[in-house]
Amino acid sequence: MRKVTPSLLLLLLFFLLTSMKGDKPAYQVYNGKRHKADYQDLLKAAQKSDIILFGELHNNPICHWLELELTKDLYATISDKLVLGAEMLEVDNQLLLNEYLSKMIRKKDFEAEAKLWQNYKTDYAPLVDFAREKGIRFSATSIPRRFAAIVNQKGFEGLDSINALERGMIASLPVKYIDTLPCYRDIVKNIGDGMPAHMTANLGKAQAIKDATMAHNIVKSGVYSEKTMLHFNGAYHSDNYQGLVWYLQQAIRKTPYDLKIMTITCIEQENIDTLSEADARKADYIIVIPSSMTKSY
């Protein structure tokens, strides 16, 4: 048998390392200090949190895969303490969602009657179906789109005309609105002549009523009773600890509980081996995905 000499060992190590350069990693995790982390770091932090806001890129398959993996791994460790919630499901579909989760109605009936996003079957159905299989509570947290449209057209005052039953599906009125928050200020600063019909001067308020309603429904879901909420939303809603995070903090202050909020965001860039200071400030954990990644729509 040939003796393995130090020089031969170094040569083998060289070939091993150079061969690894050909790998094509699908993502890289960073913490908020710009240090490289990994999925296990993210999972451990989630296990110590009361509310986890997973800020996704809606059409990115890596985001959706990691959302499902995180759901499964959290369930494996905390079981019935896990509660799910999603921006992608509107509050007025909660009863229908509950019927499906309890196996009262069939999958095809739920999908035919619920207001579902175009990528529901590929990107969100796996989450809902896992919840159905394991008996996990799943909260539809988004404001019904018709009410957000009212705010976009008429401001918060437009909600004065809706009835008491409908008001139960949105955040408590009046909604506190800080127009100097960058997430709202920036969304309207370039609005001017020739803008699309959906872009009005109230666009920041329409975004705020979405954030406030999600926060309201997350807290209402019972996270303060020894539950952990894993919530899925567009990254913009929770980036930079604004928007949804700001309204959650306001809601939590009205309870006797000190809840730990953890934020995750996803970004795309050509080189995943580096992270800017600005992007590092967006969340507790940042998932960097190659910009060449295929899209789900």
C-alpha atoms as a PDB file:
ATOM      1  CA  MET A   1       0.000   0.000   0.000  1.00  0.00           C
ATOM      2  CA  ARG A   2       1.352   3.385  -0.945  1.00  0.00           C
ATOM      3  CA  LYS A   3       2.231   5.573   2.005  1.00  0.00           C
ATOM      4  CA  VAL A   4       0.365   8.909   2.141  1.00  0.00           C
ATOM      5  CA  THR A   5       3.090  11.526   2.386  1.00  0.00           C
ATOM      6  CA  PRO A   6       2.510  15.145   3.459  1.00  0.00           C
ATOM      7  CA  SER A   7       3.117  16.311  -0.112  1.00  0.00           C
ATOM      8  CA  LEU A   8       0.570  13.827  -1.469  1.00  0.00           C
ATOM      9  CA  LEU A   9      -1.924  14.919   1.195  1.00  0.00           C
ATOM     10  CA  LEU A  10      -1.479  18.561   0.186  1.00  0.00           C
ATOM     11  CA  LEU A  11      -1.963  17.642  -3.454  1.00  0.00           C
ATOM     12  CA  LEU A  12      -5.197  15.800  -2.663  1.00  0.00           C
ATOM     13  CA  LEU A  13      -6.402  18.752  -0.609  1.00  0.00           C
ATOM     14  CA  PHE A  14      -5.604  21.107  -3.484  1.00  0.00           C
ATOM     15  CA  PHE A  15      -7.648  19.056  -5.936  1.00  0.00           C
ATOM     16  CA  LEU A  16     -10.528  18.853  -3.463  1.00  0.00           C
ATOM     17  CA  LEU A  17     -10.650  22.617  -2.902  1.00  0.00           C
ATOM     18  CA  THR A  18     -10.281  23.514  -6.566  1.00  0.00           C
ATOM     19  CA  SER A  19     -13.017  21.073  -7.537  1.00  0.00           C
ATOM     20  CA  MET A  20     -15.380  22.732  -5.043  1.00  0.00           C
ATOM     21  CA  LYS A  21     -15.001  26.042  -6.856  1.00  0.00           C
ATOM     22  CA  GLY A  22     -17.309  24.654  -9.489  1.00  0.00           C
ATOM     23  CA  ASP A  23     -20.252  24.487  -7.050  1.00  0.00           C
ATOM     24  CA  LYS A  24     -23.276  26.674  -7.708  1.00  0.00           C
ATOM     25  CA  PRO A  25     -24.789  27.491  -4.298  1.00  0.00           C
ATOM     26  CA  ALA A  26     -28.441  28.492  -4.458  1.00  0.00           C
ATOM     27  CA  TYR A  27     -28.246  30.971  -1.582  1.00  0.00           C
ATOM     28  CA  GLN A  28     -26.065  32.398   1.177  1.00  0.00           C
ATOM     29  CA  VAL A  29     -27.346  33.400   4.611  1.00  0.00           C
ATOM     30  CA  TYR A  30     -25.976  36.441   6.448  1.00  0.00           C
ATOM     31  CA  ASN A  31     -26.795  37.849   9.859  1.00  0.00           C
ATOM     32  CA  GLY A  32     -27.442  41.514  10.486  1.00  0.00           C
ATOM     33  CA  LYS A  33     -23.759  42.092  11.209  1.00  0.00           C
ATOM     34  CA  ARG A  34     -22.811  41.092   7.640  1.00  0.00           C
ATOM     35  CA  HIS A  35     -21.280  37.836   8.874  1.00  0.00           C
ATOM     36  CA  LYS A  36     -21.901  34.709   6.837  1.00  0.00           C
ATOM     37  CA  ALA A  37     -24.259  32.311   8.569  1.00  0.00           C
ATOM     38  CA  ASP A  38     -26.131  29.212   7.526  1.00  0.00           C
ATOM     39  CA  TYR A  39     -29.594  27.719   7.664  1.00  0.00           C
ATOM     40  CA  GLN A  40     -28.985  26.150  11.077  1.00  0.00           C
ATOM     41  CA  ASP A  41     -28.158  29.579  12.545  1.00  0.00           C
ATOM     42  CA  LEU A  42     -31.407  30.920  11.147  1.00  0.00           C
ATOM     43  CA  LEU A  43     -33.372  27.950  12.511  1.00  0.00           C
ATOM     44  CA  LYS A  44     -31.888  28.271  15.997  1.00  0.00           C
ATOM     45  CA  ALA A  45     -32.781  31.965  16.110  1.00  0.00           C
ATOM     46  CA  ALA A  46     -36.321  31.196  14.940  1.00  0.00           C
ATOM     47  CA  GLN A  47     -36.735  28.616  17.705  1.00  0.00           C
ATOM     48  CA  LYS A  48     -36.017  31.361  20.258  1.00  0.00           C
ATOM     49  CA  SER A  49     -38.485  33.842  18.760  1.00  0.00           C
ATOM     50  CA  ASP A  50     -42.199  34.447  19.269  1.00  0.00           C
ATOM     51  CA  ILE A  51     -42.918  35.976  15.866  1.00  0.00           C
ATOM     52  CA  ILE A  52     -40.858  35.219  12.764  1.00  0.00           C
ATOM     53  CA  LEU A  53     -41.515  37.408   9.740  1.00  0.00           C
ATOM     54  CA  PHE A  54     -40.246  35.700   6.606  1.00  0.00           C
ATOM     55  CA  GLY A  55     -39.938  38.438   3.996  1.00  0.00           C
ATOM     56  CA  GLU A  56     -40.015  36.753   0.619  1.00  0.00           C
ATOM     57  CA  LEU A  57     -39.596  37.680  -3.012  1.00  0.00           C
ATOM     58  CA  HIS A  58     -42.947  36.511  -4.318  1.00  0.00           C
ATOM     59  CA  ASN A  59     -41.680  34.864  -7.503  1.00  0.00           C
ATOM     60  CA  ASN A  60     -38.456  33.350  -6.182  1.00  0.00           C
ATOM     61  CA  PRO A  61     -38.528  29.538  -5.761  1.00  0.00           C
ATOM     62  CA  ILE A  62     -35.662  29.495  -3.243  1.00  0.00           C
ATOM     63  CA  CYS A  63     -37.700  31.685  -0.886  1.00  0.00           C
ATOM     64  CA  HIS A  64     -40.661  29.330  -1.088  1.00  0.00           C
ATOM     65  CA  TRP A  65     -38.539  26.219  -0.619  1.00  0.00           C
ATOM     66  CA  LEU A  66     -36.862  27.678   2.479  1.00  0.00           C
ATOM     67  CA  GLU A  67     -40.228  28.773   3.867  1.00  0.00           C
ATOM     68  CA  LEU A  68     -41.439  25.179   3.670  1.00  0.00           C
ATOM     69  CA  GLU A  69     -38.214  23.770   5.132  1.00  0.00           C
ATOM     70  CA  LEU A  70     -38.311  26.248   8.026  1.00  0.00           C
ATOM     71  CA  THR A  71     -41.952  25.348   8.676  1.00  0.00           C
ATOM     72  CA  LYS A  72     -41.152  21.640   8.785  1.00  0.00           C
ATOM     73  CA  ASP A  73     -38.096  22.080  11.007  1.00  0.00           C
ATOM     74  CA  LEU A  74     -39.883  24.373  13.454  1.00  0.00           C
ATOM     75  CA  TYR A  75     -42.753  21.907  13.679  1.00  0.00           C
ATOM     76  CA  ALA A  76     -40.259  19.114  14.369  1.00  0.00           C
ATOM     77  CA  THR A  77     -38.977  21.010  17.408  1.00  0.00           C
ATOM     78  CA  ILE A  78     -41.970  22.917  18.805  1.00  0.00           C
ATOM     79  CA  SER A  79     -44.882  20.883  17.386  1.00  0.00           C
ATOM     80  CA  ASP A  80     -48.296  22.241  18.400  1.00  0.00           C
ATOM     81  CA  LYS A  81     -46.813  25.552  19.533  1.00  0.00           C
ATOM     82  CA  LEU A  82     -46.368  26.532  15.896  1.00  0.00           C
ATOM     83  CA  VAL A  83     -48.902  28.830  14.220  1.00  0.00           C
ATOM     84  CA  LEU A  84     -48.659  29.943  10.592  1.00  0.00           C
ATOM     85  CA  GLY A  85     -49.876  33.109   8.919  1.00  0.00           C
ATOM     86  CA  ALA A  86     -49.618  34.671   5.491  1.00  0.00           C
ATOM     87  CA  GLU A  87     -50.141  37.918   3.648  1.00  0.00           C
ATOM     88  CA  MET A  88     -51.122  35.821   0.619  1.00  0.00           C
ATOM     89  CA  LEU A  89     -54.431  34.787   2.230  1.00  0.00           C
ATOM     90  CA  GLU A  90     -57.105  37.397   2.918  1.00  0.00           C
ATOM     91  CA  VAL A  91     -59.051  37.578   6.163  1.00  0.00           C
ATOM     92  CA  ASP A  92     -62.438  37.047   4.520  1.00  0.00           C
ATOM     93  CA  ASN A  93     -61.233  33.622   3.371  1.00  0.00           C
ATOM     94  CA  GLN A  94     -60.439  32.458   6.928  1.00  0.00           C
ATOM     95  CA  LEU A  95     -63.610  30.416   7.312  1.00  0.00           C
ATOM     96  CA  LEU A  96     -62.993  28.663   4.003  1.00  0.00           C
ATOM     97  CA  LEU A  97     -59.360  28.077   5.001  1.00  0.00           C
ATOM     98  CA  ASN A  98     -60.462  26.616   8.343  1.00  0.00           C
ATOM     99  CA  GLU A  99     -62.852  24.242   6.586  1.00  0.00           C
ATOM    100  CA  TYR A 100     -60.052  22.992   4.371  1.00  0.00           C
ATOM    101  CA  LEU A 101     -57.544  22.645   7.230  1.00  0.00           C
ATOM    102  CA  SER A 102     -60.071  20.658   9.276  1.00  0.00           C
ATOM    103  CA  LYS A 103     -60.618  18.358   6.247  1.00  0.00           C
ATOM    104  CA  MET A 104     -64.259  19.351   6.028  1.00  0.00           C
ATOM    105  CA  ILE A 105     -63.936  20.310   2.362  1.00  0.00           C
ATOM    106  CA  ARG A 106     -61.871  19.012  -0.509  1.00  0.00           C
ATOM    107  CA  LYS A 107     -58.739  20.607  -1.919  1.00  0.00           C
ATOM    108  CA  LYS A 108     -60.355  21.341  -5.268  1.00  0.00           C
ATOM    109  CA  ASP A 109     -63.313  23.066  -3.592  1.00  0.00           C
ATOM    110  CA  PHE A 110     -61.065  25.234  -1.458  1.00  0.00           C
ATOM    111  CA  GLU A 111     -58.935  26.254  -4.424  1.00  0.00           C
ATOM    112  CA  ALA A 112     -62.004  26.962  -6.552  1.00  0.00           C
ATOM    113  CA  GLU A 113     -63.668  29.255  -4.014  1.00  0.00           C
ATOM    114  CA  ALA A 114     -60.790  31.003  -2.225  1.00  0.00           C
ATOM    115  CA  LYS A 115     -59.124  34.136  -3.590  1.00  0.00           C
ATOM    116  CA  LEU A 116     -55.690  32.709  -4.291  1.00  0.00           C
ATOM    117  CA  TRP A 117     -52.582  34.185  -5.847  1.00  0.00           C
ATOM    118  CA  GLN A 118     -51.573  33.021  -9.315  1.00  0.00           C
ATOM    119  CA  ASN A 119     -48.621  31.080  -7.877  1.00  0.00           C
ATOM    120  CA  TYR A 120     -50.587  29.509  -5.025  1.00  0.00           C
ATOM    121  CA  LYS A 121     -50.438  25.919  -6.270  1.00  0.00           C
ATOM    122  CA  THR A 122     -46.657  25.889  -6.656  1.00  0.00           C
ATOM    123  CA  ASP A 123     -45.560  28.232  -3.861  1.00  0.00           C
ATOM    124  CA  TYR A 124     -48.140  28.364  -1.054  1.00  0.00           C
ATOM    125  CA  ALA A 125     -50.196  25.175  -1.343  1.00  0.00           C
ATOM    126  CA  PRO A 126     -47.292  23.122   0.109  1.00  0.00           C
ATOM    127  CA  LEU A 127     -47.434  25.276   3.275  1.00  0.00           C
ATOM    128  CA  VAL A 128     -51.201  25.063   3.604  1.00  0.00           C
ATOM    129  CA  ASP A 129     -51.211  21.324   2.894  1.00  0.00           C
ATOM    130  CA  PHE A 130     -48.494  20.725   5.490  1.00  0.00           C
ATOM    131  CA  ALA A 131     -50.581  22.644   8.028  1.00  0.00           C
ATOM    132  CA  ARG A 132     -53.596  20.521   7.087  1.00  0.00           C
ATOM    133  CA  GLU A 133     -51.618  17.305   7.480  1.00  0.00           C
ATOM    134  CA  LYS A 134     -50.188  18.237  10.895  1.00  0.00           C
ATOM    135  CA  GLY A 135     -53.171  20.106  12.320  1.00  0.00           C
ATOM    136  CA  ILE A 136     -51.370  23.471  12.444  1.00  0.00           C
ATOM    137  CA  ARG A 137     -53.448  26.620  12.789  1.00  0.00           C
ATOM    138  CA  PHE A 138     -53.028  28.909   9.770  1.00  0.00           C
ATOM    139  CA  SER A 139     -54.146  32.544   9.875  1.00  0.00           C
ATOM    140  CA  ALA A 140     -55.127  34.543   6.825  1.00  0.00           C
ATOM    141  CA  THR A 141     -53.742  37.942   7.824  1.00  0.00           C
ATOM    142  CA  SER A 142     -54.144  40.172   4.767  1.00  0.00           C
ATOM    143  CA  ILE A 143     -56.760  42.881   4.466  1.00  0.00           C
ATOM    144  CA  PRO A 144     -59.401  42.073   1.837  1.00  0.00           C
ATOM    145  CA  ARG A 145     -58.089  43.738  -1.301  1.00  0.00           C
ATOM    146  CA  ARG A 146     -61.301  45.708  -1.843  1.00  0.00           C
ATOM    147  CA  PHE A 147     -60.704  47.597   1.410  1.00  0.00           C
ATOM    148  CA  ALA A 148     -57.088  48.371   0.529  1.00  0.00           C
ATOM    149  CA  ALA A 149     -58.395  49.683  -2.803  1.00  0.00           C
ATOM    150  CA  ILE A 150     -60.831  51.966  -0.961  1.00  0.00           C
ATOM    151  CA  VAL A 151     -57.963  53.458   1.065  1.00  0.00           C
ATOM    152  CA  ASN A 152     -55.905  53.888  -2.097  1.00  0.00           C
ATOM    153  CA  GLN A 153     -58.720  55.869  -3.693  1.00  0.00           C
ATOM    154  CA  LYS A 154     -60.232  57.747  -0.746  1.00  0.00           C
ATOM    155  CA  GLY A 155     -57.743  57.576   2.106  1.00  0.00           C
ATOM    156  CA  PHE A 156     -58.549  56.143   5.531  1.00  0.00           C
ATOM    157  CA  GLU A 157     -61.781  58.142   5.523  1.00  0.00           C
ATOM    158  CA  GLY A 158     -63.139  55.801   2.865  1.00  0.00           C
ATOM    159  CA  LEU A 159     -63.362  53.053   5.498  1.00  0.00           C
ATOM    160  CA  ASP A 160     -65.951  55.040   7.481  1.00  0.00           C
ATOM    161  CA  SER A 161     -68.652  53.710   5.167  1.00  0.00           C
ATOM    162  CA  ILE A 162     -68.073  49.992   5.810  1.00  0.00           C
ATOM    163  CA  ASN A 163     -70.248  48.180   8.346  1.00  0.00           C
ATOM    164  CA  ALA A 164     -69.258  46.840  11.759  1.00  0.00           C
ATOM    165  CA  LEU A 165     -68.905  43.245  10.552  1.00  0.00           C
ATOM    166  CA  GLU A 166     -66.526  44.298   7.794  1.00  0.00           C
ATOM    167  CA  ARG A 167     -64.529  46.447  10.190  1.00  0.00           C
ATOM    168  CA  GLY A 168     -63.711  43.302  12.120  1.00  0.00           C
ATOM    169  CA  MET A 169     -61.561  42.199   9.190  1.00  0.00           C
ATOM    170  CA  ILE A 170     -59.190  45.168   9.359  1.00  0.00           C
ATOM    171  CA  ALA A 171     -57.009  46.865  11.944  1.00  0.00           C
ATOM    172  CA  SER A 172     -58.756  48.942  14.571  1.00  0.00           C
ATOM    173  CA  LEU A 173     -59.656  52.424  13.353  1.00  0.00           C
ATOM    174  CA  PRO A 174     -58.373  55.075  13.348  1.00  0.00           C
ATOM    175  CA  VAL A 175     -55.077  53.722  12.019  1.00  0.00           C
ATOM    176  CA  LYS A 176     -51.994  55.570  13.173  1.00  0.00           C
ATOM    177  CA  TYR A 177     -50.021  56.621  10.113  1.00  0.00           C
ATOM    178  CA  ILE A 178     -46.484  58.009  10.104  1.00  0.00           C
ATOM    179  CA  ASP A 179     -45.926  59.377   6.615  1.00  0.00           C
ATOM    180  CA  THR A 180     -42.258  60.071   7.374  1.00  0.00           C
ATOM    181  CA  LEU A 181     -41.456  56.373   7.730  1.00  0.00           C
ATOM    182  CA  PRO A 182     -39.221  55.682   4.700  1.00  0.00           C
ATOM    183  CA  CYS A 183     -41.254  52.627   3.675  1.00  0.00           C
ATOM    184  CA  TYR A 184     -44.287  54.894   3.140  1.00  0.00           C
ATOM    185  CA  ARG A 185     -42.517  58.104   2.229  1.00  0.00           C
ATOM    186  CA  ASP A 186     -40.493  56.428  -0.525  1.00  0.00           C
ATOM    187  CA  ILE A 187     -43.476  54.638  -2.032  1.00  0.00           C
ATOM    188  CA  VAL A 188     -45.193  57.926  -2.878  1.00  0.00           C
ATOM    189  CA  LYS A 189     -42.354  60.382  -3.433  1.00  0.00           C
ATOM    190  CA  ASN A 190     -42.148  59.779  -7.184  1.00  0.00           C
ATOM    191  CA  ILE A 191     -45.877  59.839  -7.830  1.00  0.00           C
ATOM    192  CA  GLY A 192     -46.784  62.506 -10.359  1.00  0.00           C
ATOM    193  CA  ASP A 193     -48.383  63.181 -13.714  1.00  0.00           C
ATOM    194  CA  GLY A 194     -48.847  60.195 -15.971  1.00  0.00           C
ATOM    195  CA  MET A 195     -48.813  57.690 -13.124  1.00  0.00           C
ATOM    196  CA  PRO A 196     -50.756  54.424 -13.451  1.00  0.00           C
ATOM    197  CA  ALA A 197     -54.329  54.486 -12.186  1.00  0.00           C
ATOM    198  CA  HIS A 198     -53.485  52.373  -9.121  1.00  0.00           C
ATOM    199  CA  MET A 199     -50.800  54.826  -7.982  1.00  0.00           C
ATOM    200  CA  THR A 200     -52.477  57.631  -6.079  1.00  0.00           C
ATOM    201  CA  ALA A 201     -51.326  60.017  -3.383  1.00  0.00           C
ATOM    202  CA  ASN A 202     -52.864  57.582  -0.884  1.00  0.00           C
ATOM    203  CA  LEU A 203     -50.611  54.695  -1.906  1.00  0.00           C
ATOM    204  CA  GLY A 204     -48.599  54.950   1.318  1.00  0.00           C
ATOM    205  CA  LYS A 205     -51.797  54.768   3.343  1.00  0.00           C
ATOM    206  CA  ALA A 206     -52.942  51.723   1.370  1.00  0.00           C
ATOM    207  CA  GLN A 207     -49.632  50.050   2.209  1.00  0.00           C
ATOM    208  CA  ALA A 208     -50.026  51.046   5.852  1.00  0.00           C
ATOM    209  CA  ILE A 209     -53.518  49.578   6.195  1.00  0.00           C
ATOM    210  CA  LYS A 210     -52.122  46.285   4.869  1.00  0.00           C
ATOM    211  CA  ASP A 211     -49.283  46.348   7.439  1.00  0.00           C
ATOM    212  CA  ALA A 212     -51.561  47.390  10.298  1.00  0.00           C
ATOM    213  CA  THR A 213     -54.091  44.667   9.473  1.00  0.00           C
ATOM    214  CA  MET A 214     -51.434  41.960   9.245  1.00  0.00           C
ATOM    215  CA  ALA A 215     -50.010  43.060  12.609  1.00  0.00           C
ATOM    216  CA  HIS A 216     -53.501  43.079  14.137  1.00  0.00           C
ATOM    217  CA  ASN A 217     -54.212  39.547  12.939  1.00  0.00           C
ATOM    218  CA  ILE A 218     -50.814  38.178  13.952  1.00  0.00           C
ATOM    219  CA  VAL A 219     -51.304  39.326  17.535  1.00  0.00           C
ATOM    220  CA  LYS A 220     -54.964  38.244  17.520  1.00  0.00           C
ATOM    221  CA  SER A 221     -53.886  34.744  16.473  1.00  0.00           C
ATOM    222  CA  GLY A 222     -52.688  34.101  20.013  1.00  0.00           C
ATOM    223  CA  VAL A 223     -48.914  34.317  19.760  1.00  0.00           C
ATOM    224  CA  TYR A 224     -48.863  35.675  23.293  1.00  0.00           C
ATOM    225  CA  SER A 225     -50.238  32.372  24.645  1.00  0.00           C
ATOM    226  CA  GLU A 226     -47.032  30.369  24.323  1.00  0.00           C
ATOM    227  CA  LYS A 227     -47.341  30.073  20.557  1.00  0.00           C
ATOM    228  CA  THR A 228     -44.777  30.841  17.871  1.00  0.00           C
ATOM    229  CA  MET A 229     -46.039  32.556  14.731  1.00  0.00           C
ATOM    230  CA  LEU A 230     -44.197  32.000  11.457  1.00  0.00           C
ATOM    231  CA  HIS A 231     -45.573  34.611   9.077  1.00  0.00           C
ATOM    232  CA  PHE A 232     -44.970  34.872   5.344  1.00  0.00           C
ATOM    233  CA  ASN A 233     -45.074  38.269   3.685  1.00  0.00           C
ATOM    234  CA  GLY A 234     -43.449  40.272   0.948  1.00  0.00           C
ATOM    235  CA  ALA A 235     -40.015  41.445   2.042  1.00  0.00           C
ATOM    236  CA  TYR A 236     -40.946  45.114   1.625  1.00  0.00           C
ATOM    237  CA  HIS A 237     -43.523  44.832   4.408  1.00  0.00           C
ATOM    238  CA  SER A 238     -40.912  43.965   7.055  1.00  0.00           C
ATOM    239  CA  ASP A 239     -37.610  45.248   5.657  1.00  0.00           C
ATOM    240  CA  ASN A 240     -35.636  47.723   7.764  1.00  0.00           C
ATOM    241  CA  TYR A 241     -37.891  46.932  10.763  1.00  0.00           C
ATOM    242  CA  GLN A 242     -40.551  49.266   9.377  1.00  0.00           C
ATOM    243  CA  GLY A 243     -44.057  48.740   8.055  1.00  0.00           C
ATOM    244  CA  LEU A 244     -45.392  45.505   9.499  1.00  0.00           C
ATOM    245  CA  VAL A 245     -42.715  45.437  12.212  1.00  0.00           C
ATOM    246  CA  TRP A 246     -43.588  48.978  13.331  1.00  0.00           C
ATOM    247  CA  TYR A 247     -47.302  48.141  13.605  1.00  0.00           C
ATOM    248  CA  LEU A 248     -46.520  44.883  15.411  1.00  0.00           C
ATOM    249  CA  GLN A 249     -44.499  46.787  17.982  1.00  0.00           C
ATOM    250  CA  GLN A 250     -47.422  49.165  18.532  1.00  0.00           C
ATOM    251  CA  ALA A 251     -49.829  46.250  18.959  1.00  0.00           C
ATOM    252  CA  ILE A 252     -47.534  44.366  21.332  1.00  0.00           C
ATOM    253  CA  ARG A 253     -47.208  47.423  23.577  1.00  0.00           C
ATOM    254  CA  LYS A 254     -50.935  47.145  24.278  1.00  0.00           C
ATOM    255  CA  THR A 255     -50.442  43.640  25.699  1.00  0.00           C
ATOM    256  CA  PRO A 256     -48.671  42.595  28.916  1.00  0.00           C
ATOM    257  CA  TYR A 257     -46.324  40.392  26.909  1.00  0.00           C
ATOM    258  CA  ASP A 258     -42.761  41.000  25.768  1.00  0.00           C
ATOM    259  CA  LEU A 259     -42.638  39.197  22.434  1.00  0.00           C
ATOM    260  CA  LYS A 260     -39.441  38.663  20.476  1.00  0.00           C
ATOM    261  CA  ILE A 261     -39.773  39.479  16.787  1.00  0.00           C
ATOM    262  CA  MET A 262     -37.308  37.982  14.307  1.00  0.00           C
ATOM    263  CA  THR A 263     -37.108  39.186  10.719  1.00  0.00           C
ATOM    264  CA  ILE A 264     -35.830  37.430   7.608  1.00  0.00           C
ATOM    265  CA  THR A 265     -35.468  39.049   4.215  1.00  0.00           C
ATOM    266  CA  CYS A 266     -34.502  37.795   0.784  1.00  0.00           C
ATOM    267  CA  ILE A 267     -32.548  39.722  -1.819  1.00  0.00           C
ATOM    268  CA  GLU A 268     -31.193  38.889  -5.247  1.00  0.00           C
ATOM    269  CA  GLN A 269     -27.769  39.895  -6.505  1.00  0.00           C
ATOM    270  CA  GLU A 270     -25.181  38.634  -8.962  1.00  0.00           C
ATOM    271  CA  ASN A 271     -22.528  37.813  -6.362  1.00  0.00           C
ATOM    272  CA  ILE A 272     -23.835  36.103  -3.228  1.00  0.00           C
ATOM    273  CA  ASP A 273     -20.434  36.156  -1.495  1.00  0.00           C
ATOM    274  CA  THR A 274     -20.790  39.756  -0.383  1.00  0.00           C
ATOM    275  CA  LEU A 275     -23.410  41.883   1.348  1.00  0.00           C
ATOM    276  CA  SER A 276     -23.684  45.660   1.525  1.00  0.00           C
ATOM    277  CA  GLU A 277     -24.135  47.532   4.809  1.00  0.00           C
ATOM    278  CA  ALA A 278     -27.527  48.800   3.630  1.00  0.00           C
ATOM    279  CA  ASP A 279     -28.788  45.286   2.912  1.00  0.00           C
ATOM    280  CA  ALA A 280     -27.405  44.003   6.221  1.00  0.00           C
ATOM    281  CA  ARG A 281     -29.608  46.529   8.036  1.00  0.00           C
ATOM    282  CA  LYS A 282     -32.766  45.184   6.445  1.00  0.00           C
ATOM    283  CA  ALA A 283     -33.339  42.214   8.784  1.00  0.00           C
ATOM    284  CA  ASP A 284     -31.927  39.907  11.440  1.00  0.00           C
ATOM    285  CA  TYR A 285     -31.104  37.371   8.726  1.00  0.00           C
ATOM    286  CA  ILE A 286     -30.617  38.053   5.042  1.00  0.00           C
ATOM    287  CA  ILE A 287     -30.891  35.312   2.431  1.00  0.00           C
ATOM    288  CA  VAL A 288     -28.933  36.294  -0.662  1.00  0.00           C
ATOM    289  CA  ILE A 289     -29.976  34.497  -3.841  1.00  0.00           C
ATOM    290  CA  PRO A 290     -28.294  34.633  -7.248  1.00  0.00           C
ATOM    291  CA  SER A 291     -30.112  37.066  -9.530  1.00  0.00           C
ATOM    292  CA  SER A 292     -29.974  34.412 -12.249  1.00  0.00           C
ATOM    293  CA  MET A 293     -32.295  32.162 -10.248  1.00  0.00           C
ATOM    294  CA  THR A 294     -35.362  31.111 -12.244  1.00  0.00           C
ATOM    295  CA  LYS A 295     -38.694  32.653 -11.303  1.00  0.00           C
ATOM    296  CA  SER A 296     -41.971  30.925 -10.491  1.00  0.00           C
ATOM    297  CA  TYR A 297     -43.908  33.424 -12.646  1.00  0.00           C
END
